[in-house]
């Protein structure tokens, strides 16, 4: 596959989920991978490359930092859209430590990319090809990769909750399916988590306009759900974004059960090790 970037610069502003501050973002065509540049920090120490070795603190999202402790938080929705659009090279300038949460989905990012246009580069990127089963299990969380001629994700979630119990979904991962079935799915949380998050200076920018809030017998959001199984679709969106830390297309069938950001990144490390052994 040819490496790709945007055809032109494009700007966007929005609220960050956890700090609740307005973030100005500029997307700049590039040729050196995915680089986040914190324009509010000192030059020379403010660039954070998308690299699995730069990930940290994966409890509430996917975050990166560099050797100078420059950080960028909550990048998984953006990375997910990058993967679907096949963008491998881009500079993302930010004046804060988060990406805008938009409406809690990846739809706005896909729209941004399509408005800017996609440009092919001369260089190529080799896919990660699953040639044999790969397993990762931590307690009751599991991820498996199987050989497959394409890219498919099967995901199962289960919660001990009166409204959200279990959901299962499976999709072929391509841009058409992504835009229609996955990108609009929003992030979610439970009503009983809100007080804890606010006390710990998290989700300060969270509202019913950028997240689904689940209560005892349904959701607080007046417009309801976009899909009956929106929760598991969003988990698929997250998994696509988390595996994008490898910045390579994937050829295989990924099966995830109750996974999350931490397990996703550990699994990405397994995929990377497999590639190093082959090489």
Protein backbone atom coordinates (compact mmCIF):
# COMPACT_ATOMS: atom_id res chain seq x y z
CA UNK A 1 0.00 0.00 0.00
CA UNK A 2 1.23 3.49 -0.78
CA UNK A 3 1.83 5.77 2.18
CA UNK A 4 -0.69 8.59 2.36
CA UNK A 5 -1.06 12.06 3.86
CA UNK A 6 -3.52 14.93 3.48
CA UNK A 7 -3.61 16.99 0.31
CA UNK A 8 -3.68 20.30 2.23
CA UNK A 9 -3.62 21.79 5.71
CA UNK A 10 -6.84 21.95 7.67
CA UNK A 11 -7.74 23.35 11.09
CA UNK A 12 -10.27 22.37 13.74
CA UNK A 13 -11.13 23.53 17.28
CA UNK A 14 -12.99 21.68 19.99
CA UNK A 15 -13.17 20.77 23.67
CA UNK A 16 -10.82 18.19 25.17
CA UNK A 17 -12.61 15.44 27.09
CA UNK A 18 -10.61 15.29 30.30
CA UNK A 19 -9.27 18.82 30.84
CA UNK A 20 -12.36 20.49 29.40
CA UNK A 21 -10.24 23.12 27.64
CA UNK A 22 -10.64 24.34 24.07
CA UNK A 23 -8.04 22.81 21.76
CA UNK A 24 -6.91 24.33 18.46
CA UNK A 25 -5.67 21.66 16.07
CA UNK A 26 -3.93 22.02 12.72
CA UNK A 27 -3.35 19.02 10.45
CA UNK A 28 -0.32 19.44 8.19
CA UNK A 29 0.69 17.09 5.34
CA UNK A 30 3.86 15.16 6.22
CA UNK A 31 6.26 12.42 5.09
CA UNK A 32 7.76 11.17 8.37
CA UNK A 33 5.04 9.15 10.04
CA UNK A 34 2.47 10.52 12.48
CA UNK A 35 3.86 13.32 14.64
CA UNK A 36 2.04 15.30 17.32
CA UNK A 37 3.52 18.77 17.87
CA UNK A 38 2.63 20.70 21.04
CA UNK A 39 2.87 24.34 19.94
CA UNK A 40 2.34 25.45 23.55
CA UNK A 41 5.66 23.86 24.58
CA UNK A 42 9.30 24.62 23.89
CA UNK A 43 10.52 23.96 20.34
CA UNK A 44 12.84 20.98 20.06
CA UNK A 45 11.13 19.16 22.91
CA UNK A 46 7.53 19.34 21.79
CA UNK A 47 7.23 16.62 19.11
CA UNK A 48 5.78 13.24 20.03
CA UNK A 49 6.03 10.50 17.42
CA UNK A 50 3.37 7.84 17.09
CA UNK A 51 5.33 4.86 18.35
CA UNK A 52 4.23 2.01 20.55
CA UNK A 53 7.19 2.68 22.84
CA UNK A 54 5.78 6.16 23.56
CA UNK A 55 2.43 4.93 24.96
CA UNK A 56 1.67 5.37 28.67
CA UNK A 57 -1.21 5.44 31.19
CA UNK A 58 -3.77 3.38 29.30
CA UNK A 59 -6.53 3.23 31.93
CA UNK A 60 -8.88 5.84 30.42
CA UNK A 61 -7.57 6.24 26.89
CA UNK A 62 -4.50 5.98 24.69
CA UNK A 63 -1.80 8.53 25.41
CA UNK A 64 1.71 9.29 24.16
CA UNK A 65 4.73 11.06 25.61
CA UNK A 66 8.30 11.76 24.50
CA UNK A 67 11.61 11.69 26.39
CA UNK A 68 11.06 15.32 27.46
CA UNK A 69 7.70 14.45 29.08
CA UNK A 70 5.69 16.27 26.42
CA UNK A 71 2.35 14.45 26.34
CA UNK A 72 -0.73 14.07 24.19
CA UNK A 73 -3.84 12.41 25.58
CA UNK A 74 -6.97 10.66 24.28
CA UNK A 75 -5.78 10.02 20.73
CA UNK A 76 -7.58 6.73 20.04
CA UNK A 77 -10.58 8.11 18.11
CA UNK A 78 -8.31 10.20 15.91
CA UNK A 79 -5.97 7.24 15.28
CA UNK A 80 -8.96 5.08 14.42
CA UNK A 81 -10.04 7.52 11.72
CA UNK A 82 -6.44 7.74 10.45
CA UNK A 83 -6.39 3.96 10.02
CA UNK A 84 -9.69 3.88 8.13
CA UNK A 85 -8.52 6.69 5.82
CA UNK A 86 -5.15 4.90 5.33
CA UNK A 87 -3.21 8.00 6.43
CA UNK A 88 0.32 7.07 7.48
CA UNK A 89 2.05 10.47 7.51
CA UNK A 90 0.79 13.64 9.16
CA UNK A 91 1.82 16.42 11.54
CA UNK A 92 -0.81 17.32 14.14
CA UNK A 93 -0.21 20.67 15.82
CA UNK A 94 -2.03 21.18 19.14
CA UNK A 95 -2.05 24.01 21.66
CA UNK A 96 -2.92 21.65 24.52
CA UNK A 97 -2.34 18.12 25.75
CA UNK A 98 -5.49 16.50 24.30
CA UNK A 99 -7.24 16.07 20.99
CA UNK A 100 -10.75 17.51 20.64
CA UNK A 101 -13.37 14.95 21.68
CA UNK A 102 -15.82 16.19 18.97
CA UNK A 103 -19.10 14.31 19.52
CA UNK A 104 -17.38 11.34 21.16
CA UNK A 105 -17.04 9.42 17.89
CA UNK A 106 -14.58 9.43 14.96
CA UNK A 107 -17.02 10.87 12.43
CA UNK A 108 -15.75 14.47 12.60
CA UNK A 109 -12.17 13.34 11.96
CA UNK A 110 -13.20 11.37 8.88
CA UNK A 111 -15.04 14.47 7.63
CA UNK A 112 -11.90 16.58 8.19
CA UNK A 113 -9.74 14.17 6.19
CA UNK A 114 -12.20 14.01 3.33
CA UNK A 115 -12.51 17.82 3.25
CA UNK A 116 -8.74 18.16 3.03
CA UNK A 117 -8.36 15.31 0.52
CA UNK A 118 -5.97 12.36 0.65
CA UNK A 119 -2.64 12.41 -1.19
CA UNK A 120 -0.57 9.34 -2.10
CA UNK A 121 3.15 9.44 -1.40
CA UNK A 122 5.87 7.65 -3.35
CA UNK A 123 6.93 5.38 -0.49
CA UNK A 124 5.09 2.19 0.44
CA UNK A 125 4.08 0.70 3.77
CA UNK A 126 4.15 -3.05 4.35
CA UNK A 127 1.12 -4.62 6.04
CA UNK A 128 1.29 -6.71 9.19
CA UNK A 129 0.14 -10.13 8.00
CA UNK A 130 -1.14 -12.60 10.59
CA UNK A 131 0.35 -15.93 9.54
CA UNK A 132 -0.50 -18.00 12.64
CA UNK A 133 -2.79 -17.63 15.66
CA UNK A 134 -1.67 -15.10 18.28
CA UNK A 135 -3.28 -15.05 21.73
CA UNK A 136 -3.27 -12.67 24.67
CA UNK A 137 -5.26 -13.30 27.86
CA UNK A 138 -5.31 -11.25 31.06
CA UNK A 139 -7.87 -12.52 33.58
CA UNK A 140 -11.21 -12.53 31.69
CA UNK A 141 -9.99 -10.26 28.86
CA UNK A 142 -8.84 -11.81 25.59
CA UNK A 143 -7.57 -10.87 22.15
CA UNK A 144 -6.84 -13.37 19.38
CA UNK A 145 -5.52 -12.79 15.88
CA UNK A 146 -6.09 -15.38 13.15
CA UNK A 147 -4.91 -15.55 9.53
CA UNK A 148 -7.47 -13.98 7.21
CA UNK A 149 -7.50 -12.57 3.70
CA UNK A 150 -8.57 -9.06 4.67
CA UNK A 151 -9.13 -7.24 7.96
CA UNK A 152 -12.01 -8.26 10.19
CA UNK A 153 -12.79 -7.56 13.83
CA UNK A 154 -15.14 -9.52 16.07
CA UNK A 155 -15.76 -7.99 19.49
CA UNK A 156 -17.74 -9.07 22.55
CA UNK A 157 -18.40 -6.97 25.65
CA UNK A 158 -20.04 -7.90 28.93
CA UNK A 159 -20.93 -5.76 31.95
CA UNK A 160 -22.64 -6.57 35.23
CA UNK A 161 -25.23 -3.83 34.68
CA UNK A 162 -29.00 -3.71 34.62
CA UNK A 163 -29.15 -2.02 31.19
CA UNK A 164 -25.89 -2.88 29.41
CA UNK A 165 -25.14 -6.58 29.78
CA UNK A 166 -23.51 -8.07 26.67
CA UNK A 167 -23.13 -7.20 23.00
CA UNK A 168 -21.36 -8.83 20.05
CA UNK A 169 -20.49 -7.32 16.67
CA UNK A 170 -18.35 -8.23 13.68
CA UNK A 171 -17.28 -6.07 10.74
CA UNK A 172 -14.98 -6.17 7.77
CA UNK A 173 -12.77 -3.14 8.27
CA UNK A 174 -12.72 -0.93 5.19
CA UNK A 175 -13.47 2.74 4.70
CA UNK A 176 -17.05 2.22 3.50
CA UNK A 177 -18.00 0.01 6.46
CA UNK A 178 -16.11 2.23 8.85
CA UNK A 179 -17.94 5.39 7.83
CA UNK A 180 -21.34 3.73 7.95
CA UNK A 181 -21.10 1.27 10.84
CA UNK A 182 -18.25 2.29 13.17
CA UNK A 183 -17.18 5.95 12.96
CA UNK A 184 -20.50 7.38 14.35
CA UNK A 185 -20.39 5.17 17.49
CA UNK A 186 -19.76 7.35 20.56
CA UNK A 187 -17.71 6.82 23.69
CA UNK A 188 -19.70 5.90 26.78
CA UNK A 189 -19.59 5.74 30.55
CA UNK A 190 -21.83 4.95 33.50
CA UNK A 191 -23.66 7.54 35.61
CA UNK A 192 -22.05 6.28 38.83
CA UNK A 193 -18.57 7.06 37.43
CA UNK A 194 -19.19 10.78 36.92
CA UNK A 195 -18.54 11.96 40.47
CA UNK A 196 -15.30 9.96 40.74
CA UNK A 197 -14.03 11.25 37.40
CA UNK A 198 -14.76 14.89 38.21
CA UNK A 199 -13.07 14.58 41.63
CA UNK A 200 -9.95 13.27 39.86
CA UNK A 201 -9.96 16.07 37.27
CA UNK A 202 -11.09 13.72 34.51
CA UNK A 203 -13.96 14.05 32.03
CA UNK A 204 -14.17 17.78 32.82
CA UNK A 205 -15.21 18.38 29.20
CA UNK A 206 -17.67 15.50 29.11
CA UNK A 207 -21.30 16.29 28.26
CA UNK A 208 -24.27 14.49 26.76
CA UNK A 209 -23.17 16.05 23.47
CA UNK A 210 -19.89 14.10 23.38
CA UNK A 211 -20.55 10.90 25.34
CA UNK A 212 -23.28 8.39 26.07
CA UNK A 213 -24.08 8.23 29.79
CA UNK A 214 -25.65 4.95 30.87
CA UNK A 215 -28.07 4.87 33.81
CA UNK A 216 -29.99 2.06 35.45
CA UNK A 217 -32.63 1.54 32.77
CA UNK A 218 -31.26 3.27 29.67
CA UNK A 219 -29.19 6.25 28.61
CA UNK A 220 -29.40 9.88 29.72
CA UNK A 221 -28.91 11.22 26.19
CA UNK A 222 -32.28 12.60 25.02
CA UNK A 223 -31.68 11.53 21.40
CA UNK A 224 -31.01 7.92 22.45
CA UNK A 225 -28.59 5.61 20.67
CA UNK A 226 -27.35 5.74 17.10
CA UNK A 227 -27.27 1.92 16.96
CA UNK A 228 -28.80 -0.62 19.32
CA UNK A 229 -25.30 -2.03 19.80
CA UNK A 230 -23.48 1.33 19.75
CA UNK A 231 -21.38 0.36 22.78
CA UNK A 232 -19.60 -2.60 21.19
CA UNK A 233 -19.21 -0.69 17.92
CA UNK A 234 -17.36 2.00 19.83
CA UNK A 235 -15.10 -0.65 21.35
CA UNK A 236 -14.26 -1.75 17.80
CA UNK A 237 -13.53 1.89 16.93
CA UNK A 238 -11.15 2.07 19.91
CA UNK A 239 -9.39 -1.18 19.01
CA UNK A 240 -8.76 0.01 15.46
CA UNK A 241 -7.27 3.20 16.87
CA UNK A 242 -5.13 1.47 19.46
CA UNK A 243 -3.59 -0.91 16.89
CA UNK A 244 -2.84 2.13 14.72
CA UNK A 245 0.10 2.81 17.07
CA UNK A 246 1.96 0.39 14.76
CA UNK A 247 1.09 2.70 11.83
CA UNK A 248 0.76 -0.21 9.41
CA UNK A 249 -2.21 -1.89 7.73
CA UNK A 250 -3.26 -5.19 9.27
CA UNK A 251 -4.23 -8.35 7.43
CA UNK A 252 -5.98 -10.77 9.75
CA UNK A 253 -9.05 -11.50 11.86
CA UNK A 254 -8.94 -9.94 15.32
CA UNK A 255 -11.27 -11.36 17.98
CA UNK A 256 -11.55 -9.36 21.21
CA UNK A 257 -13.46 -10.23 24.37
CA UNK A 258 -13.80 -7.57 27.08
CA UNK A 259 -10.56 -5.95 25.96
CA UNK A 260 -9.60 -2.31 26.52
CA UNK A 261 -6.83 0.17 25.81
CA UNK A 262 -4.19 -1.51 28.01
CA UNK A 263 -4.80 -4.97 26.52
CA UNK A 264 -5.00 -3.51 22.99
CA UNK A 265 -1.54 -1.96 23.31
CA UNK A 266 -0.05 -5.13 24.81
CA UNK A 267 -1.49 -7.01 21.86
CA UNK A 268 0.04 -4.49 19.44
CA UNK A 269 3.39 -5.25 21.08
CA UNK A 270 2.84 -8.97 20.36
CA UNK A 271 2.13 -8.18 16.71
CA UNK A 272 5.32 -6.14 16.53
CA UNK A 273 7.35 -8.98 18.07
CA UNK A 274 5.93 -11.41 15.51
CA UNK A 275 7.07 -9.11 12.70
CA UNK A 276 10.55 -8.80 14.19
CA UNK A 277 10.88 -12.61 14.38
CA UNK A 278 9.85 -12.97 10.73
CA UNK A 279 12.38 -10.33 9.69
